[in-house]
Structure formats: structure tokens, C-alpha cells
Protein backbone atom coordinates (compact mmCIF):
# COMPACT_ATOMS: atom_id res chain seq x y z
CA MET A 1 12.93 38.66 119.58
CA GLN A 2 14.23 38.68 123.13
CA LYS A 3 13.09 40.68 126.15
CA VAL A 4 15.33 43.46 127.42
CA PHE A 5 15.18 45.03 130.90
CA GLN A 6 16.49 48.13 132.63
CA ASN A 7 17.82 45.88 135.41
CA CYS A 8 17.29 42.43 136.91
CA TYR A 9 16.98 43.22 140.62
CA GLU A 10 13.28 42.37 140.93
CA MET A 11 13.70 39.17 138.94
CA ASP A 12 16.53 38.09 141.25
CA LYS A 13 14.21 38.71 144.21
CA LYS A 14 11.54 36.60 142.52
CA CYS A 15 14.01 33.72 142.38
CA TYR A 16 14.46 33.97 146.16
CA SER A 17 10.77 34.31 147.06
CA LYS A 18 9.02 32.27 144.38
CA TYR A 19 11.53 29.55 143.47
CA ALA A 20 13.29 29.17 146.84
CA LEU A 21 16.66 29.83 145.23
CA SER A 22 19.34 31.46 147.35
CA GLU A 23 21.74 34.22 146.40
CA ASP A 24 24.48 31.61 146.57
CA ILE A 25 22.70 29.39 144.01
CA LEU A 26 22.27 32.27 141.57
CA MET A 27 25.92 33.15 141.96
CA GLU A 28 27.04 29.57 141.32
CA HIS A 29 25.05 29.53 138.09
CA ALA A 30 26.53 32.88 137.02
CA ALA A 31 30.06 31.61 137.63
CA SER A 32 29.27 28.28 135.99
CA ALA A 33 28.13 30.00 132.78
CA MET A 34 31.46 31.79 132.49
CA GLU A 35 33.31 28.59 133.40
CA GLN A 36 31.51 26.63 130.69
CA PHE A 37 32.32 29.25 128.06
CA ILE A 38 36.00 29.13 128.96
CA ARG A 39 36.10 25.33 128.99
CA ASP A 40 34.31 25.17 125.63
CA ASN A 41 36.67 27.62 123.96
CA PHE A 42 40.08 27.33 125.65
CA ASP A 43 42.37 24.44 126.42
CA LYS A 44 43.28 23.55 129.97
CA GLU A 45 46.49 25.00 131.34
CA LYS A 46 45.73 28.41 129.84
CA THR A 47 46.30 31.40 132.14
CA VAL A 48 43.24 33.27 133.42
CA LEU A 49 43.41 36.72 135.01
CA ILE A 50 40.24 37.49 136.96
CA ILE A 51 39.81 41.07 138.19
CA VAL A 52 37.14 41.34 140.86
CA GLY A 53 35.38 44.18 142.61
CA ALA A 54 34.28 44.45 146.21
CA GLY A 55 30.62 43.57 145.62
CA ASN A 56 28.59 40.70 144.21
CA ASN A 57 29.85 41.11 140.67
CA GLY A 58 33.30 40.52 142.11
CA ALA A 59 31.92 37.54 143.99
CA ASP A 60 30.87 36.01 140.66
CA GLY A 61 34.47 36.34 139.51
CA ILE A 62 35.85 34.80 142.70
CA ALA A 63 33.48 31.84 142.30
CA LEU A 64 34.72 31.45 138.73
CA ALA A 65 38.30 31.26 140.01
CA ARG A 66 37.32 28.35 142.25
CA LEU A 67 35.58 26.49 139.42
CA LEU A 68 38.56 26.80 137.07
CA HIS A 69 41.31 26.22 139.64
CA SER A 70 43.67 23.30 138.99
CA ASP A 71 42.61 22.95 135.34
CA TYR A 72 43.70 26.50 134.47
CA LYS A 73 46.40 28.74 135.91
CA ILE A 74 44.41 31.37 137.83
CA PHE A 75 45.54 34.86 138.81
CA LEU A 76 42.95 36.48 141.08
CA TYR A 77 43.31 40.25 141.48
CA LEU A 78 41.30 42.13 144.14
CA PRO A 79 42.21 45.83 143.83
CA PHE A 80 39.52 47.03 146.25
CA GLY A 81 39.29 44.08 148.64
CA VAL A 82 35.89 42.54 149.30
CA LYS A 83 32.89 44.13 151.02
CA SER A 84 29.68 42.23 150.31
CA ASN A 85 28.88 39.15 152.37
CA MET A 86 28.87 36.94 149.29
CA ALA A 87 32.24 38.27 148.15
CA LYS A 88 33.69 37.51 151.57
CA LEU A 89 32.23 33.99 151.50
CA GLN A 90 33.54 33.31 148.00
CA LEU A 91 36.99 34.58 148.95
CA GLN A 92 37.02 32.26 151.97
CA ARG A 93 36.23 29.35 149.65
CA VAL A 94 39.02 30.09 147.16
CA LYS A 95 41.56 30.47 149.94
CA LEU A 96 40.72 26.97 151.13
CA ILE A 97 41.79 25.54 147.77
CA LYS A 98 44.77 27.91 147.51
CA VAL A 99 43.81 29.96 144.44
CA GLU A 100 46.64 32.40 143.73
CA VAL A 101 45.79 35.97 144.69
CA VAL A 102 48.09 38.46 142.95
CA ASP A 103 48.90 42.04 143.85
CA GLU A 104 49.43 43.37 140.34
CA LEU A 105 47.95 42.98 136.88
CA LYS A 106 49.67 40.58 134.52
CA GLU A 107 49.09 39.40 130.99
CA ALA A 108 47.07 36.21 130.58
CA ASP A 109 45.47 34.16 127.83
CA ILE A 110 42.01 34.96 129.20
CA ILE A 111 41.03 38.14 131.05
CA VAL A 112 37.80 38.22 133.03
CA ASP A 113 36.40 41.57 134.12
CA ALA A 114 34.25 41.24 137.26
CA LEU A 115 34.87 44.70 138.71
CA PHE A 116 31.54 46.52 138.69
CA GLY A 117 28.84 44.89 136.56
CA ALA A 118 25.40 46.41 135.97
CA GLY A 119 24.02 49.43 137.76
CA LEU A 120 27.09 51.67 137.92
CA ASN A 121 25.82 55.14 138.88
CA ARG A 122 29.00 57.14 139.29
CA LYS A 123 32.11 58.14 137.40
CA LEU A 124 35.08 55.82 137.76
CA ASN A 125 37.88 56.95 140.06
CA GLN A 126 41.40 57.22 138.70
CA LYS A 127 42.50 53.85 140.07
CA SER A 128 39.60 52.12 138.29
CA ILE A 129 40.35 53.97 135.07
CA ASP A 130 44.00 52.93 135.25
CA ILE A 131 43.04 49.29 135.83
CA ILE A 132 40.60 49.24 132.91
CA GLU A 133 43.00 50.96 130.54
CA THR A 134 45.72 48.47 131.47
CA LEU A 135 43.35 45.55 130.87
CA ASN A 136 42.36 46.99 127.49
CA SER A 137 46.04 47.13 126.52
CA PHE A 138 46.47 43.39 127.16
CA SER A 139 46.21 40.99 124.23
CA GLY A 140 44.31 38.16 125.94
CA TYR A 141 40.72 37.20 125.14
CA LYS A 142 38.45 39.45 127.21
CA ILE A 143 35.28 38.37 128.98
CA ALA A 144 33.00 40.81 130.81
CA CYS A 145 30.90 39.49 133.70
CA ASP A 146 27.35 40.88 133.38
CA ILE A 147 28.35 44.18 131.73
CA PRO A 148 31.75 45.68 130.90
CA SER A 149 33.08 47.64 133.88
CA GLY A 150 32.78 51.37 133.34
CA ILE A 151 29.47 51.18 131.46
CA ASP A 152 26.93 52.97 133.64
CA PHE A 153 23.30 52.05 134.24
CA ARG A 154 22.28 53.83 131.00
CA GLY A 155 25.02 52.33 128.83
CA VAL A 156 27.44 55.27 128.86
CA PRO A 157 31.21 54.74 129.44
CA SER A 158 32.10 56.65 132.62
CA PRO A 159 34.40 57.86 131.13
CA THR A 160 35.96 54.66 129.76
CA ALA A 161 35.07 50.97 129.92
CA PHE A 162 36.47 47.46 129.57
CA LYS A 163 36.51 46.36 125.91
CA ALA A 164 35.17 42.83 125.91
CA ASN A 165 35.25 40.21 123.20
CA ILE A 166 32.17 38.76 124.86
CA THR A 167 29.85 39.88 127.63
CA ILE A 168 28.18 37.09 129.59
CA THR A 169 25.27 38.90 131.16
CA MET A 170 23.42 37.44 134.11
CA GLY A 171 19.76 36.38 134.00
CA ALA A 172 18.50 38.58 131.18
CA LEU A 173 19.47 41.24 128.68
CA LYS A 174 19.88 44.81 129.96
CA GLU A 175 19.20 48.03 128.06
CA ALA A 176 22.63 49.38 128.95
CA LEU A 177 24.22 46.75 126.72
CA PHE A 178 22.52 48.23 123.67
CA LEU A 179 23.01 51.97 123.96
CA ASP A 180 25.01 53.26 121.00
CA SER A 181 27.93 54.28 123.21
CA ALA A 182 28.24 50.73 124.61
CA LYS A 183 28.51 49.04 121.22
CA ASP A 184 32.31 49.22 121.00
CA TYR A 185 32.71 47.66 124.46
CA VAL A 186 30.26 44.77 124.84
CA GLY A 187 31.39 42.47 122.03
CA LYS A 188 29.25 39.40 121.54
CA ILE A 189 26.50 39.02 124.17
CA GLU A 190 25.35 35.80 125.82
CA VAL A 191 22.84 35.36 128.66
CA ALA A 192 23.58 33.10 131.63
CA ASN A 193 20.69 31.29 133.27
CA LEU A 194 20.66 31.69 137.04
CA GLY A 195 19.02 28.48 138.22
CA VAL A 196 15.80 28.56 136.22
CA SER A 197 15.09 29.02 132.53
CA ARG A 198 14.77 32.51 131.13
CA GLU A 199 11.07 31.86 130.59
CA LEU A 200 10.63 31.48 134.36
CA TYR A 201 13.18 34.12 135.33
CA GLU A 202 12.02 36.97 133.11
CA ASP A 203 9.07 39.24 133.83
CA ASP A 204 7.05 41.19 131.25
CA SER A 205 8.95 43.83 129.33
CA SER A 206 8.20 46.63 126.89
CA THR A 207 11.67 46.54 125.32
CA PHE A 208 12.80 43.88 122.87
CA LEU A 209 15.94 42.90 120.97
CA LEU A 210 15.30 42.05 117.34
CA ASP A 211 16.77 38.83 115.94
CA ARG A 212 17.36 37.74 112.35
CA SER A 213 14.37 35.43 112.70
CA ASP A 214 12.09 38.46 113.17
CA PHE A 215 12.63 39.53 109.57
CA ASN A 216 9.41 39.16 107.56
CA PRO A 217 10.08 40.33 103.98
CA PRO A 218 7.39 40.94 101.36
CA SER A 219 5.73 37.83 100.01
CA ARG A 220 5.08 37.07 96.36
CA GLU A 221 3.32 33.76 96.93
CA LEU A 222 0.03 34.91 95.37
CA GLN A 223 0.15 33.87 91.71
CA ASN A 224 -3.01 35.65 90.58
CA SER A 225 -1.58 39.11 91.07
CA HIS A 226 -0.45 42.22 89.20
CA LYS A 227 1.62 45.33 89.91
CA GLY A 228 -1.29 46.98 91.66
CA SER A 229 -1.40 44.11 94.13
CA PHE A 230 1.87 45.27 95.67
CA GLY A 231 1.25 48.94 96.28
CA HIS A 232 2.32 52.24 94.79
CA VAL A 233 4.91 54.45 96.52
CA ALA A 234 5.16 58.18 95.89
CA VAL A 235 8.59 59.57 96.81
CA PHE A 236 9.13 63.32 96.89
CA VAL A 237 12.37 64.33 95.17
CA GLY A 238 13.55 67.78 96.11
CA GLU A 239 16.57 70.05 96.06
CA LYS A 240 19.16 67.30 96.59
CA GLU A 241 17.62 65.01 94.02
CA GLY A 242 19.95 62.05 94.59
CA ALA A 243 18.51 61.38 98.05
CA GLY A 244 14.95 61.03 96.78
CA VAL A 245 15.95 58.96 93.77
CA ILE A 246 17.94 56.55 95.96
CA SER A 247 14.92 56.22 98.24
CA ALA A 248 12.64 55.48 95.30
CA MET A 249 15.05 52.88 93.92
CA ALA A 250 15.07 51.13 97.31
CA ALA A 251 11.28 51.16 97.46
CA SER A 252 11.05 49.51 94.07
CA ARG A 253 13.73 46.95 94.94
CA PHE A 254 11.85 45.97 98.12
CA GLY A 255 8.71 44.91 96.34
CA ALA A 256 6.55 47.95 95.64
CA GLY A 257 4.51 47.25 92.51
CA LEU A 258 4.87 50.84 91.32
CA THR A 259 7.14 53.67 92.41
CA THR A 260 6.67 57.27 91.36
CA ILE A 261 8.96 60.18 92.08
CA VAL A 262 7.12 63.43 92.74
CA TYR A 263 9.28 66.21 91.32
CA HIS A 264 9.46 69.99 91.27
CA GLU A 265 11.61 70.05 88.17
CA LYS A 266 11.69 67.12 85.76
CA LEU A 267 14.84 65.00 85.93
CA GLN A 268 16.36 61.84 84.55
CA VAL A 269 15.65 58.75 86.65
CA PRO A 270 16.07 54.98 86.22
CA PRO A 271 13.57 53.73 83.63
CA TYR A 272 11.68 51.56 86.12
CA LEU A 273 10.64 54.66 88.10
CA MET A 274 7.71 56.82 87.06
CA SER A 275 7.59 60.61 87.40
CA SER A 276 4.83 63.04 88.28
CA SER A 277 4.44 66.62 89.48
CA SER A 278 1.86 65.47 92.06
CA VAL A 279 1.04 62.40 94.12
CA PRO A 280 -0.59 59.86 91.78
CA LYS A 281 -4.23 59.06 92.50
CA GLY A 282 -3.42 55.37 92.88
CA ALA A 283 -0.62 55.88 95.41
CA SER A 284 -0.79 53.82 98.60
CA ALA A 285 2.11 55.37 100.57
CA ILE A 286 4.24 58.53 100.63
CA ALA A 287 7.87 59.16 101.54
CA ILE A 288 9.00 62.75 102.01
CA GLY A 289 11.99 64.67 103.31
CA MET A 290 15.04 63.06 101.73
CA GLY A 291 16.93 66.00 100.19
CA LEU A 292 13.64 67.92 100.14
CA GLY A 293 15.00 71.43 100.66
CA GLU A 294 12.53 74.24 99.90
CA PHE A 295 11.47 73.18 96.42
CA PHE A 296 7.79 72.54 97.10
CA GLU A 297 5.27 75.27 97.85
CA ASP A 298 3.40 75.17 101.16
CA GLU A 299 0.03 74.93 99.44
CA MET A 300 1.13 71.93 97.40
CA LEU A 301 2.45 70.18 100.53
CA LYS A 302 -0.78 70.91 102.35
CA THR A 303 -2.94 69.53 99.56
CA GLU A 304 -0.81 66.54 98.57
CA VAL A 305 0.73 65.48 101.89
CA ILE A 306 -0.75 67.05 105.01
CA ASN A 307 -4.39 66.59 103.96
CA SER A 308 -3.73 63.10 102.61
CA LYS A 309 -4.73 60.00 104.53
CA LEU A 310 -2.03 57.81 103.00
CA PRO A 311 0.56 56.06 105.17
CA ILE A 312 3.69 58.21 105.24
CA VAL A 313 7.40 58.19 106.07
CA ILE A 314 8.78 61.56 107.19
CA ASP A 315 12.56 61.91 107.10
CA ALA A 316 15.45 64.37 106.91
CA ASP A 317 14.49 67.92 105.80
CA ALA A 318 10.79 67.31 106.48
CA LEU A 319 11.61 66.83 110.17
CA TYR A 320 12.46 70.54 110.39
CA LYS A 321 9.09 71.67 109.03
CA LYS A 322 6.45 72.27 111.70
CA GLU A 323 3.57 71.89 109.22
CA LEU A 324 4.74 68.43 108.14
CA LEU A 325 5.49 67.35 111.71
CA GLU A 326 1.87 68.03 112.63
CA ILE A 327 1.08 64.91 110.58
CA ILE A 328 2.27 62.72 113.46
CA LYS A 329 -0.81 63.79 115.41
CA GLN A 330 -3.14 62.56 112.65
CA ASP A 331 -4.97 59.26 112.68
CA ARG A 332 -2.96 57.57 109.93
CA GLU A 333 0.06 55.27 109.64
CA VAL A 334 3.02 57.58 110.24
CA VAL A 335 6.74 56.78 110.57
CA ILE A 336 9.44 59.33 111.34
CA THR A 337 13.10 58.35 110.95
CA PRO A 338 15.32 61.00 112.57
CA HIS A 339 18.97 60.76 113.44
CA PRO A 340 19.78 62.28 116.87
CA LYS A 341 20.25 65.84 115.59
CA GLU A 342 16.95 65.69 113.73
CA PHE A 343 15.23 64.22 116.79
CA SER A 344 16.54 67.19 118.79
CA ALA A 345 14.87 69.49 116.24
CA VAL A 346 11.63 67.51 116.40
CA LEU A 347 11.47 67.85 120.18
CA LYS A 348 12.17 71.58 119.91
CA ILE A 349 9.49 72.16 117.27
CA LEU A 350 6.77 70.02 118.83
CA GLU A 351 7.43 70.50 122.53
CA ASN A 352 9.80 73.47 122.77
CA ARG A 353 12.33 71.27 124.56
CA ASP A 354 16.02 72.00 124.18
CA ILE A 355 17.66 68.59 124.36
CA SER A 356 21.16 68.28 122.97
CA VAL A 357 22.36 65.48 120.74
CA ASP A 358 24.62 64.31 123.58
CA GLU A 359 21.68 64.05 125.98
CA ILE A 360 19.61 62.23 123.38
CA GLN A 361 22.40 59.71 122.89
CA LYS A 362 22.73 59.13 126.63
CA ASN A 363 18.97 58.72 127.11
CA ARG A 364 17.82 57.17 123.85
CA PHE A 365 15.52 54.57 125.40
CA GLU A 366 13.81 56.90 127.84
CA LEU A 367 13.25 59.69 125.30
CA ALA A 368 12.02 57.35 122.57
CA LYS A 369 9.61 55.63 124.95
CA GLU A 370 8.34 58.96 126.27
CA PHE A 371 7.84 60.34 122.75
CA SER A 372 5.96 57.24 121.60
CA ASN A 373 3.62 57.41 124.58
CA ILE A 374 2.72 61.01 123.68
CA TYR A 375 2.33 60.62 119.91
CA ILE A 376 0.58 57.28 119.88
CA ASN A 377 -0.21 57.28 116.14
CA CYS A 378 3.44 57.75 115.23
CA THR A 379 6.16 55.14 114.93
CA LEU A 380 9.59 56.56 115.77
CA LEU A 381 12.74 55.04 114.29
CA LEU A 382 15.67 56.75 116.00
CA LYS A 383 18.77 56.08 113.93
CA GLY A 384 22.14 55.20 115.40
CA ALA A 385 24.65 52.41 115.78
CA ASN A 386 21.79 50.41 117.29
CA PRO A 387 18.60 51.89 115.80
CA ILE A 388 15.59 51.81 118.09
CA ILE A 389 11.97 51.67 116.98
CA ALA A 390 9.27 52.92 119.35
CA LYS A 391 5.49 52.70 119.23
CA LYS A 392 3.08 53.27 122.14
CA GLY A 393 5.77 52.76 124.76
CA LYS A 394 7.25 49.61 123.25
CA ILE A 395 10.88 49.64 122.11
CA TYR A 396 12.54 47.39 119.53
CA ILE A 397 16.35 47.40 119.21
CA ASN A 398 18.21 46.47 116.03
CA THR A 399 21.87 45.60 116.63
CA LEU A 400 22.36 43.69 113.37
CA GLY A 401 23.75 46.44 111.14
CA SER A 402 27.27 47.29 110.07
CA ASN A 403 29.28 50.50 110.33
CA ALA A 404 29.53 50.32 106.55
CA LEU A 405 26.14 52.06 106.69
CA ALA A 406 27.79 55.20 108.13
CA LYS A 407 27.63 56.94 104.77
CA GLY A 408 25.28 59.36 103.05
CA GLY A 409 22.36 57.60 101.39
CA SER A 410 21.80 54.84 103.94
CA GLY A 411 18.99 56.74 105.64
CA ASP A 412 17.40 57.54 102.28
CA ILE A 413 17.35 53.82 101.48
CA LEU A 414 15.75 53.09 104.85
CA SER A 415 12.92 55.54 104.15
CA GLY A 416 12.31 53.89 100.79
CA LEU A 417 12.25 50.41 102.31
CA ILE A 418 9.73 51.44 104.97
CA ALA A 419 7.56 53.29 102.45
CA SER A 420 7.56 50.23 100.20
CA LEU A 421 6.26 48.07 103.03
CA LEU A 422 3.64 50.64 103.98
CA ALA A 423 2.46 50.57 100.36
CA GLN A 424 2.26 46.77 100.63
CA ARG A 425 -0.11 47.12 103.61
CA TYR A 426 2.34 46.55 106.46
CA SER A 427 1.46 48.45 109.63
CA ALA A 428 3.78 51.34 110.51
CA ILE A 429 5.49 49.39 113.28
CA ASP A 430 5.96 46.27 111.14
CA ALA A 431 7.19 48.31 108.19
CA SER A 432 9.72 50.07 110.43
CA ILE A 433 10.98 46.86 111.99
CA ASN A 434 11.32 45.01 108.69
CA GLY A 435 12.74 47.98 106.80
CA SER A 436 15.37 48.42 109.50
CA LEU A 437 16.20 44.72 109.51
CA ALA A 438 16.43 44.63 105.72
CA LEU A 439 18.94 47.49 105.69
CA ALA A 440 21.01 45.87 108.45
CA LEU A 441 21.03 42.39 106.96
CA ALA A 442 21.87 43.70 103.49
CA SER A 443 24.86 45.61 104.90
CA LYS A 444 26.21 42.40 106.42
CA LYS A 445 26.25 40.76 102.99
CA PHE A 446 28.69 43.33 101.59
CA LYS A 447 32.01 41.50 101.12
CA LYS A 448 34.31 44.33 100.09
CA ALA A 449 36.01 46.91 102.34
CA LYS A 450 33.39 48.51 104.57
CA TYR A 451 34.46 52.04 103.67
CA SER A 452 33.72 51.36 100.02
CA MET A 453 30.02 50.43 100.25
CA LEU A 454 27.75 52.70 98.19
CA PRO A 455 23.98 53.16 98.45
CA THR A 456 23.59 51.33 95.14
CA ASP A 457 25.44 48.35 96.65
CA ILE A 458 22.95 48.19 99.51
CA ILE A 459 19.99 48.40 97.12
CA GLU A 460 21.44 45.54 95.10
CA LEU A 461 21.98 43.46 98.25
CA ILE A 462 18.39 43.98 99.41
CA GLY A 463 17.44 41.37 96.84
CA LYS A 464 19.82 38.81 98.34
CA ILE A 465 18.68 38.65 101.97
């Protein structure tokens, strides 16, 4: 996993004070990273349109123009002039080698956005919006310098943003790159070193980006084992029975030795699932909420779920029940898996806070971190385009999924995967991370049209990651 930061300002200052690097040196490395990407991927003589802002992000773009000049046909566009000292210096340098400065946007093979970069804290003016929309209409390959222009410091388009094929971000990864609303703009993300390795540049962080290499699936290396060695999941199946059955199927597929559905009314299920009207005595984890409805009596839930000490996943309908939500205050392994609307309900029930879905989506990192610092025994998995997992103030971001998962049943599968790992003695945080990664990686293995993926397809693919 990689560290992620709110911003890099203090780490830049560390380079000046601790490593005796100048602002100019950092800027040369930033420009050189973009230069190297272009040289590695595009033939000489290609046209390059570089759009630069008035500050230091623009200065990075001006430096890039100098590095590419003579090998590539450069069009340098400065819609707002230059204001920062470094931008003025870089402009002086490109004028000395006669880089072409243009007074209007034009199509090019490569388009480099160096308008605003990280830290935008205001809405774009109309001129900026017009520029960005024109750039987005061009067909050239699009590179964003640091962060696509128009994405604000949280990761929200303000109100629009440059749509990059790749974002070359400077120094370290920023949270704003991974907010759900930024996902359609950032493209692929690469980090540019700024004169020292990332190990030296980066400080400590409490936010991390998950990689494929972080996936740690269940192990079956122990030969002297039996079904009881791999846990027993009890999945509550309620009013919308398909949700619970799908969850139970996923739990079984992901290695649980036994999986039992706990029913209100007996129903037909796949033959490898067991059925019971109560939580089996040998159960080692519970999953509840998926299609739950109002089938189960309060006394039964109190006896079988609330007063239990078993690790538990709470999802969907259960997130609207105050009695079940009180479980997150207990000293046991607890995972809740809300989507933004459900998280809004959780905050209302537990803290009487009225926070809209829109505000949750704009402030996902802050709210998840705050919640996890209050309810320290609970692991929060906040669903979205980039699900985030929070425990005791630490945040883990999963960007590896596919929009094929935007279909009913995906969340039910996720609950089953996490419950299966809890039953197999994973901690709540490890079960959440690996369950989320399993769902994401399985979705990427689906080879048919994305719109056609069914929950049963995902369950089948879980066995192939």
C-alpha cells in the first residue's frame, strides 16, 4: 500500500530545510517527470499543447515546454499570464529559446493541463470553465500536472474539471485524487519524485492506497484440517431473501468451512448451505441486514445478535435499526458496510446529525476518519466508486473495482466475503480490506459487457483471483 496525504506543502518545505533542495530543483524534477512520460510514449515531432496557470503549477508546465522544445512542436498557452516568481523565471527561460507562445487553444497530439493543480479552494470562473470544456472536447492524449484543473482540495469538480488520461502528481499521492467525484477525471495516476526518493520525501500518514499486492486471501495450506478449521458463518435471510442467500453463497465461496442461513420462514437454498431458525451454536461470525426487512422479532435479535459476542457484519436494513447499531459500541469485532445514504442514516441515529448524501460524498475522508475515531471498536467500510475503510483514524482506499459492480447484489456479496473472513479469524480491519479487494479484483476478471455482470458471476469469479 502507498501513503496518501491531504497535501504536500510541509513535505516540500522539508526538502528545502532538510535536504537543501531549492524550489527550482523541485520544479525541474516535476517537469522532468512529465517530459520523460511524453518521451517514453510519444514520438518526436508530435504537437504538444501546454496550458499553464499563473502560479507554480503553471511554472511546472512552462518548464516542461523548455525541456521538450525542438524535439516536439510546442504550443504554450498562458490565459492568465504569470504571477508567481517561479512562473516568471520559467517564462523568461522559455523565451530565451523561443518556445512558441500562442494566444488561442488549438488541437494537439498531446495536451498538458498545468492550470491550477492541487489546493483549489474556489469555484472556477467562466473563462476557466470555457478553457477546460474546450480542452475536454479535444481528441489529443491528456496529461494533468499534479491534479486535474477544476478538482478542488477535497476532490470535488468545481463545477467541472479537466478529464485526464493520466495524472502525474508531484511528490506524493493526494486524497483529492481518490474522492468518488474525481474518479472520472484523474485517469491513471503516477507519482513524480521531486529530487529525493518518496521514502525520504514522504512523512507519516494515516491514509493509504491499497494495491493488488495487499490482497491476502484465505489459506488452505494446513493439510490436517476439517470444515470446522475454517469457521462457520451465520447469515440472516429476511424479507428480501435473495440478498441474504447471495451473501451466504459468497461466504461459502470465500472459504468458510460452514455457512448457515438463519431464516424466519423456511426456503429453498443451494444444497451446500445449511438452514436454521437460530444462530448455530458453533457459529464463528454473523452477517445481518441484507434484505432483512422486519421479519425477525426484537427479542430474537436481542438474544441471537445483540447479546452475542461473535464477530459481526452489519449491512443494509440493519443500519436503520438503532438497537442493532448499538452493537458498534460493544467490545467485539464489528464491521458496518453502508453506502452514503445508509451512512447518513447511521449518523442521524447515533449522533442526531443531519448530513446529506451530497455532503457525505464531498467529505468522505473527513467523516469516515471522524467516525472511526469515535467508535474505535467498529470498522467502517463506506461504499462508493472508491470504497474507503476506516478504523481508529486510519483510512484505506480501494480504487481497484469496476463500475460493473453498480448493480443490486454487489453489496450483499461484500458482506458475505467479510463475514467469511471474520469466521476464519481475520481481524475486522483485515477482513474488510481483503473482502473489499476480493470483490474489486473479481469484478476486473469479468470479460463480458459490464452491464451484464450478475452477482452469481462475481461469486464464481471470486474463486479465480
